Amino acid sequence: MRYNGWTNYETWRVALECFPSNDFWEEPSADFCKELIEEHIEQQSTGLARDYAMSFLSDVNWHEIADSLKQDDEAA
């Protein structure tokens, strides 16, 4: 089930809150986006909060986020 035009709620929420703009030195890939956010979660949270956050991230469509960032960059 799609959410606000995205694959799902998790993808929409991460795209909205974690990638509000495309301020990267190079074109971001799905792996880059995923690693960036997972590293942040690992550094900023522990225990149950980290486990819930990582579980939430497992449902994110990272390819869709990277493609959206690429399109934003091309439009600019």
Protein backbone atom coordinates (compact mmCIF):
# COMPACT_ATOMS: atom_id res chain seq x y z
CA MET A 1 0.00 0.00 0.00
CA ARG A 2 1.51 3.34 -1.07
CA TYR A 3 1.79 6.30 1.30
CA ASN A 4 1.82 9.90 0.03
CA GLY A 5 3.17 8.67 -3.31
CA TRP A 6 5.95 6.58 -1.74
CA THR A 7 6.27 2.79 -1.43
CA ASN A 8 5.20 2.86 2.23
CA TYR A 9 5.06 5.00 5.37
CA GLU A 10 8.61 4.12 6.39
CA THR A 11 10.07 5.26 3.07
CA TRP A 12 8.04 8.48 3.08
CA ARG A 13 9.02 9.31 6.66
CA VAL A 14 12.75 8.69 6.17
CA ALA A 15 12.76 10.65 2.89
CA LEU A 16 10.91 13.55 4.51
CA GLU A 17 12.89 13.77 7.73
CA CYS A 18 16.34 12.46 6.85
CA PHE A 19 16.75 13.71 3.27
CA PRO A 20 14.92 17.06 3.04
CA SER A 21 17.41 18.25 0.42
CA ASN A 22 20.09 16.85 -1.80
CA ASP A 23 23.19 18.45 -0.29
CA PHE A 24 25.66 15.68 -1.15
CA TRP A 25 29.04 15.92 -2.81
CA GLU A 26 28.17 13.16 -5.21
CA GLU A 27 25.10 11.39 -6.50
CA PRO A 28 23.75 9.30 -3.62
CA SER A 29 23.12 5.59 -4.11
CA ALA A 30 20.65 3.43 -2.24
CA ASP A 31 23.53 1.88 -0.29
CA PHE A 32 24.92 5.31 0.61
CA CYS A 33 21.53 6.51 1.90
CA LYS A 34 21.01 3.36 3.95
CA GLU A 35 24.50 3.38 5.46
CA LEU A 36 24.28 7.08 6.31
CA ILE A 37 21.08 6.68 8.30
CA GLU A 38 22.03 3.36 9.91
CA GLU A 39 25.35 4.82 11.09
CA HIS A 40 23.52 7.78 12.58
CA ILE A 41 21.11 5.47 14.43
CA GLU A 42 23.99 3.34 15.71
CA GLN A 43 25.78 6.44 17.04
CA GLN A 44 22.76 8.20 18.53
CA SER A 45 20.73 5.46 20.16
CA THR A 46 21.13 2.30 22.20
CA GLY A 47 19.17 -0.70 23.38
CA LEU A 48 15.49 -0.96 22.63
CA ALA A 49 15.29 2.44 20.88
CA ARG A 50 18.04 1.42 18.45
CA ASP A 51 16.40 -1.95 17.85
CA TYR A 52 13.04 -0.33 17.03
CA ALA A 53 14.69 2.24 14.77
CA MET A 54 16.63 -0.42 12.89
CA SER A 55 13.47 -2.49 12.51
CA PHE A 56 11.67 0.56 11.09
CA LEU A 57 14.51 1.12 8.63
CA SER A 58 14.31 -2.45 7.36
CA ASP A 59 11.09 -1.55 5.53
CA VAL A 60 12.50 1.53 3.77
CA ASN A 61 12.81 1.44 -0.01
CA TRP A 62 16.31 2.93 -0.25
CA HIS A 63 16.33 2.76 -4.05
CA GLU A 64 13.24 4.95 -4.20
CA ILE A 65 14.85 7.55 -1.92
CA ALA A 66 18.08 7.58 -3.96
CA ASP A 67 16.11 7.90 -7.20
CA SER A 68 14.14 10.80 -5.74
CA LEU A 69 17.34 12.57 -4.70
CA LYS A 70 18.77 12.07 -8.20
CA GLN A 71 15.61 13.54 -9.76
CA ASP A 72 15.76 16.53 -7.39
CA ASP A 73 19.38 17.09 -8.37
CA GLU A 74 18.57 16.95 -12.09
CA ALA A 75 15.68 19.40 -11.66
CA ALA A 76 17.90 21.95 -9.89
